[in-house]
Amino acid sequence: MTIEHPLKLNYALASKRALTGAGIALLLLAVILLIVGEIESWVYIPIITTSIGGACSGLFYYLIHDLFFKDHKYGNIINLFCGFCFLFIFWLSLVFALAQVGLWD
């Protein structure tokens, strides 16, 4: 007897959402770094942590929008909620990275 899980995950779409989230996070970080002006060796830690946070946000978007609430009538509200969650996770990962390099007190 085998037990099947009721959720069927689409790994290709999940990885696409994760890469999109990581790309958007890297783009936002690039804008922030262009405002700062100079790039030094400490920048690599925020690049890694914000890309990981963006990938986790992309997976969160996949789980909420594409898996749990796929045919829901409030799609725009779900997208807005996921956008706020993306910005929150991006901010947390950026604060974590800056705290690790000593630039956030």
N, C-alpha and C. Protein backbone atom coordinates (compact mmCIF):
# COMPACT_ATOMS: atom_id res chain seq x y z
N MET A 1 0.83 -1.17 0.00
CA MET A 1 0.00 0.00 0.00
C MET A 1 0.89 1.25 0.00
N THR A 2 0.61 2.14 -0.92
CA THR A 2 1.38 3.38 -0.99
C THR A 2 0.48 4.55 -0.63
N ILE A 3 1.08 5.52 -0.04
CA ILE A 3 0.35 6.73 0.35
C ILE A 3 0.77 7.85 -0.60
N GLU A 4 -0.20 8.48 -1.23
CA GLU A 4 0.09 9.60 -2.12
C GLU A 4 -0.25 10.90 -1.44
N HIS A 5 0.58 11.88 -1.68
CA HIS A 5 0.32 13.21 -1.15
C HIS A 5 -0.67 13.92 -2.06
N PRO A 6 -1.66 14.62 -1.50
CA PRO A 6 -2.68 15.23 -2.36
C PRO A 6 -2.19 16.43 -3.16
N LEU A 7 -1.08 17.05 -2.77
CA LEU A 7 -0.56 18.19 -3.50
C LEU A 7 0.43 17.72 -4.55
N LYS A 8 0.22 18.12 -5.78
CA LYS A 8 1.13 17.79 -6.87
C LYS A 8 1.97 19.02 -7.16
N LEU A 9 3.24 18.95 -6.84
CA LEU A 9 4.14 20.07 -7.02
C LEU A 9 4.70 20.07 -8.44
N ASN A 10 4.72 21.25 -9.03
CA ASN A 10 5.33 21.44 -10.34
C ASN A 10 6.72 22.03 -10.09
N TYR A 11 7.73 21.18 -10.14
CA TYR A 11 9.07 21.60 -9.78
C TYR A 11 9.66 22.60 -10.78
N ALA A 12 9.29 22.48 -12.04
CA ALA A 12 9.78 23.42 -13.04
C ALA A 12 9.25 24.83 -12.76
N LEU A 13 7.96 24.93 -12.46
CA LEU A 13 7.38 26.23 -12.16
C LEU A 13 7.89 26.78 -10.84
N ALA A 14 8.09 25.91 -9.86
CA ALA A 14 8.62 26.36 -8.57
C ALA A 14 10.04 26.90 -8.72
N SER A 15 10.87 26.23 -9.51
CA SER A 15 12.23 26.73 -9.71
C SER A 15 12.23 28.01 -10.53
N LYS A 16 11.28 28.14 -11.46
CA LYS A 16 11.16 29.38 -12.22
C LYS A 16 10.78 30.54 -11.31
N ARG A 17 9.83 30.32 -10.40
CA ARG A 17 9.44 31.36 -9.45
C ARG A 17 10.60 31.70 -8.51
N ALA A 18 11.36 30.70 -8.07
CA ALA A 18 12.50 30.96 -7.18
C ALA A 18 13.58 31.77 -7.89
N LEU A 19 13.88 31.43 -9.14
CA LEU A 19 14.88 32.19 -9.89
C LEU A 19 14.41 33.60 -10.18
N THR A 20 13.12 33.76 -10.44
CA THR A 20 12.57 35.10 -10.66
C THR A 20 12.68 35.94 -9.39
N GLY A 21 12.34 35.36 -8.25
CA GLY A 21 12.46 36.07 -6.98
C GLY A 21 13.89 36.45 -6.66
N ALA A 22 14.83 35.54 -6.93
CA ALA A 22 16.23 35.84 -6.69
C ALA A 22 16.72 36.94 -7.64
N GLY A 23 16.26 36.91 -8.87
CA GLY A 23 16.65 37.94 -9.84
C GLY A 23 16.12 39.31 -9.47
N ILE A 24 14.87 39.37 -9.01
CA ILE A 24 14.30 40.66 -8.59
C ILE A 24 15.03 41.18 -7.36
N ALA A 25 15.38 40.29 -6.43
CA ALA A 25 16.12 40.72 -5.24
C ALA A 25 17.51 41.23 -5.61
N LEU A 26 18.17 40.57 -6.55
CA LEU A 26 19.48 41.05 -6.98
C LEU A 26 19.37 42.38 -7.71
N LEU A 27 18.30 42.58 -8.46
CA LEU A 27 18.09 43.85 -9.14
C LEU A 27 17.86 44.98 -8.14
N LEU A 28 17.06 44.73 -7.11
CA LEU A 28 16.85 45.74 -6.07
C LEU A 28 18.14 46.04 -5.32
N LEU A 29 18.92 45.01 -5.05
CA LEU A 29 20.20 45.22 -4.37
C LEU A 29 21.17 46.00 -5.25
N ALA A 30 21.14 45.76 -6.55
CA ALA A 30 22.01 46.50 -7.46
C ALA A 30 21.65 47.98 -7.47
N VAL A 31 20.35 48.28 -7.41
CA VAL A 31 19.92 49.68 -7.34
C VAL A 31 20.42 50.32 -6.05
N ILE A 32 20.31 49.61 -4.95
CA ILE A 32 20.79 50.13 -3.66
C ILE A 32 22.30 50.34 -3.70
N LEU A 33 23.03 49.41 -4.30
CA LEU A 33 24.49 49.55 -4.37
C LEU A 33 24.90 50.67 -5.32
N LEU A 34 24.12 50.93 -6.35
CA LEU A 34 24.43 52.06 -7.23
C LEU A 34 24.23 53.39 -6.52
N ILE A 35 23.28 53.43 -5.61
CA ILE A 35 23.07 54.65 -4.83
C ILE A 35 24.23 54.85 -3.86
N VAL A 36 24.71 53.76 -3.24
CA VAL A 36 25.82 53.86 -2.31
C VAL A 36 27.09 54.30 -3.05
N GLY A 37 27.34 53.73 -4.21
CA GLY A 37 28.44 54.20 -5.03
C GLY A 37 29.63 53.28 -5.13
N GLU A 38 30.19 52.87 -4.05
CA GLU A 38 31.40 52.06 -4.11
C GLU A 38 31.11 50.62 -3.74
N ILE A 39 31.78 49.71 -4.43
CA ILE A 39 31.61 48.28 -4.18
C ILE A 39 32.90 47.74 -3.59
N GLU A 40 32.79 47.14 -2.43
CA GLU A 40 33.95 46.59 -1.74
C GLU A 40 33.73 45.10 -1.52
N SER A 41 34.62 44.48 -0.77
CA SER A 41 34.54 43.04 -0.57
C SER A 41 33.40 42.62 0.34
N TRP A 42 32.86 43.53 1.15
CA TRP A 42 31.77 43.18 2.05
C TRP A 42 30.45 43.00 1.31
N VAL A 43 30.40 43.38 0.06
CA VAL A 43 29.15 43.35 -0.72
C VAL A 43 28.72 41.92 -1.04
N TYR A 44 29.64 40.99 -1.03
CA TYR A 44 29.30 39.63 -1.43
C TYR A 44 28.33 38.95 -0.46
N ILE A 45 28.43 39.26 0.81
CA ILE A 45 27.50 38.66 1.78
C ILE A 45 26.07 39.15 1.56
N PRO A 46 25.81 40.45 1.37
CA PRO A 46 24.44 40.86 1.04
C PRO A 46 23.94 40.31 -0.29
N ILE A 47 24.82 40.13 -1.25
CA ILE A 47 24.40 39.56 -2.53
C ILE A 47 23.89 38.14 -2.32
N ILE A 48 24.61 37.36 -1.55
CA ILE A 48 24.23 35.96 -1.34
C ILE A 48 22.95 35.88 -0.50
N THR A 49 22.88 36.63 0.60
CA THR A 49 21.71 36.50 1.48
C THR A 49 20.45 37.06 0.85
N THR A 50 20.56 38.16 0.10
CA THR A 50 19.35 38.70 -0.53
C THR A 50 18.88 37.82 -1.68
N SER A 51 19.80 37.16 -2.37
CA SER A 51 19.36 36.24 -3.42
C SER A 51 18.68 35.00 -2.82
N ILE A 52 19.17 34.55 -1.68
CA ILE A 52 18.51 33.42 -1.00
C ILE A 52 17.13 33.85 -0.49
N GLY A 53 17.05 35.05 0.08
CA GLY A 53 15.75 35.57 0.52
C GLY A 53 14.79 35.75 -0.64
N GLY A 54 15.28 36.23 -1.77
CA GLY A 54 14.43 36.37 -2.95
C GLY A 54 13.95 35.03 -3.49
N ALA A 55 14.82 34.04 -3.45
CA ALA A 55 14.41 32.70 -3.89
C ALA A 55 13.35 32.11 -2.95
N CYS A 56 13.51 32.34 -1.66
CA CYS A 56 12.49 31.87 -0.71
C CYS A 56 11.17 32.61 -0.92
N SER A 57 11.26 33.89 -1.26
CA SER A 57 10.03 34.64 -1.55
C SER A 57 9.37 34.13 -2.81
N GLY A 58 10.15 33.77 -3.81
CA GLY A 58 9.59 33.19 -5.02
C GLY A 58 8.91 31.86 -4.77
N LEU A 59 9.50 31.05 -3.91
CA LEU A 59 8.85 29.79 -3.54
C LEU A 59 7.57 30.03 -2.74
N PHE A 60 7.59 31.05 -1.89
CA PHE A 60 6.39 31.42 -1.16
C PHE A 60 5.28 31.84 -2.12
N TYR A 61 5.64 32.62 -3.14
CA TYR A 61 4.67 33.04 -4.15
C TYR A 61 4.11 31.83 -4.89
N TYR A 62 4.98 30.87 -5.22
CA TYR A 62 4.50 29.66 -5.89
C TYR A 62 3.52 28.91 -5.01
N LEU A 63 3.85 28.76 -3.74
CA LEU A 63 2.97 28.00 -2.86
C LEU A 63 1.63 28.70 -2.65
N ILE A 64 1.65 30.00 -2.46
CA ILE A 64 0.41 30.73 -2.20
C ILE A 64 -0.42 30.90 -3.46
N HIS A 65 0.19 31.44 -4.50
CA HIS A 65 -0.56 31.82 -5.70
C HIS A 65 -0.85 30.64 -6.62
N ASP A 66 0.16 29.82 -6.89
CA ASP A 66 0.01 28.77 -7.89
C ASP A 66 -0.45 27.44 -7.34
N LEU A 67 -0.35 27.23 -6.04
CA LEU A 67 -0.70 25.93 -5.50
C LEU A 67 -1.95 25.97 -4.63
N PHE A 68 -1.97 26.84 -3.64
CA PHE A 68 -3.08 26.84 -2.70
C PHE A 68 -4.29 27.63 -3.20
N PHE A 69 -4.07 28.79 -3.79
CA PHE A 69 -5.16 29.65 -4.23
C PHE A 69 -5.14 29.81 -5.75
N LYS A 70 -5.08 28.70 -6.46
CA LYS A 70 -4.91 28.74 -7.91
C LYS A 70 -6.13 29.35 -8.61
N ASP A 71 -7.31 28.95 -8.27
CA ASP A 71 -8.52 29.42 -8.94
C ASP A 71 -9.37 30.27 -8.00
N HIS A 72 -8.73 31.12 -7.24
CA HIS A 72 -9.44 31.96 -6.27
C HIS A 72 -9.89 33.24 -6.95
N LYS A 73 -11.01 33.79 -6.51
CA LYS A 73 -11.55 34.97 -7.16
C LYS A 73 -10.86 36.27 -6.76
N TYR A 74 -10.06 36.26 -5.70
CA TYR A 74 -9.34 37.44 -5.25
C TYR A 74 -7.87 37.34 -5.61
N GLY A 75 -7.58 37.18 -6.88
CA GLY A 75 -6.20 37.00 -7.33
C GLY A 75 -5.34 38.23 -7.13
N ASN A 76 -5.92 39.42 -7.32
CA ASN A 76 -5.13 40.64 -7.16
C ASN A 76 -4.73 40.87 -5.71
N ILE A 77 -5.61 40.55 -4.79
CA ILE A 77 -5.29 40.70 -3.37
C ILE A 77 -4.19 39.71 -2.97
N ILE A 78 -4.25 38.52 -3.51
CA ILE A 78 -3.22 37.52 -3.23
C ILE A 78 -1.88 37.97 -3.79
N ASN A 79 -1.88 38.53 -5.00
CA ASN A 79 -0.63 39.05 -5.58
C ASN A 79 -0.08 40.20 -4.76
N LEU A 80 -0.93 41.08 -4.28
CA LEU A 80 -0.50 42.20 -3.45
C LEU A 80 0.09 41.70 -2.13
N PHE A 81 -0.55 40.72 -1.52
CA PHE A 81 -0.05 40.12 -0.28
C PHE A 81 1.32 39.49 -0.51
N CYS A 82 1.47 38.77 -1.61
CA CYS A 82 2.76 38.14 -1.91
C CYS A 82 3.84 39.18 -2.20
N GLY A 83 3.45 40.31 -2.81
CA GLY A 83 4.40 41.38 -3.05
C GLY A 83 4.90 42.00 -1.76
N PHE A 84 3.99 42.24 -0.81
CA PHE A 84 4.39 42.75 0.49
C PHE A 84 5.28 41.75 1.23
N CYS A 85 4.96 40.48 1.12
CA CYS A 85 5.79 39.45 1.76
C CYS A 85 7.18 39.41 1.13
N PHE A 86 7.25 39.60 -0.20
CA PHE A 86 8.54 39.64 -0.88
C PHE A 86 9.38 40.81 -0.36
N LEU A 87 8.78 41.98 -0.26
CA LEU A 87 9.53 43.14 0.22
C LEU A 87 9.96 42.97 1.67
N PHE A 88 9.11 42.36 2.49
CA PHE A 88 9.45 42.11 3.89
C PHE A 88 10.61 41.13 4.01
N ILE A 89 10.56 40.03 3.26
CA ILE A 89 11.64 39.04 3.31
C ILE A 89 12.93 39.62 2.74
N PHE A 90 12.82 40.43 1.67
CA PHE A 90 13.99 41.10 1.12
C PHE A 90 14.62 42.03 2.16
N TRP A 91 13.80 42.79 2.85
CA TRP A 91 14.31 43.70 3.87
C TRP A 91 14.97 42.93 5.01
N LEU A 92 14.33 41.84 5.45
CA LEU A 92 14.93 41.04 6.53
C LEU A 92 16.26 40.44 6.12
N SER A 93 16.34 39.92 4.89
CA SER A 93 17.61 39.33 4.45
C SER A 93 18.69 40.40 4.27
N LEU A 94 18.31 41.60 3.85
CA LEU A 94 19.27 42.68 3.72
C LEU A 94 19.76 43.15 5.09
N VAL A 95 18.87 43.27 6.05
CA VAL A 95 19.26 43.65 7.41
C VAL A 95 20.16 42.58 8.03
N PHE A 96 19.83 41.32 7.81
CA PHE A 96 20.67 40.24 8.31
C PHE A 96 22.07 40.31 7.71
N ALA A 97 22.14 40.55 6.41
CA ALA A 97 23.44 40.61 5.75
C ALA A 97 24.26 41.81 6.23
N LEU A 98 23.60 42.95 6.37
CA LEU A 98 24.33 44.13 6.84
C LEU A 98 24.74 44.00 8.29
N ALA A 99 23.96 43.28 9.09
CA ALA A 99 24.34 43.03 10.47
C ALA A 99 25.55 42.10 10.53
N GLN A 100 25.65 41.17 9.59
CA GLN A 100 26.78 40.26 9.58
C GLN A 100 28.08 40.95 9.23
N VAL A 101 28.02 41.96 8.36
CA VAL A 101 29.24 42.67 7.99
C VAL A 101 29.51 43.87 8.88
N GLY A 102 28.62 44.15 9.83
CA GLY A 102 28.85 45.20 10.81
C GLY A 102 28.36 46.58 10.39
N LEU A 103 27.50 46.66 9.40
CA LEU A 103 27.00 47.94 8.94
C LEU A 103 25.59 48.26 9.43
N TRP A 104 25.03 47.38 10.24
CA TRP A 104 23.68 47.60 10.78
C TRP A 104 23.74 47.42 12.28
N ASP A 105 23.37 48.44 13.02
CA ASP A 105 23.42 48.35 14.48
C ASP A 105 22.05 48.13 15.05
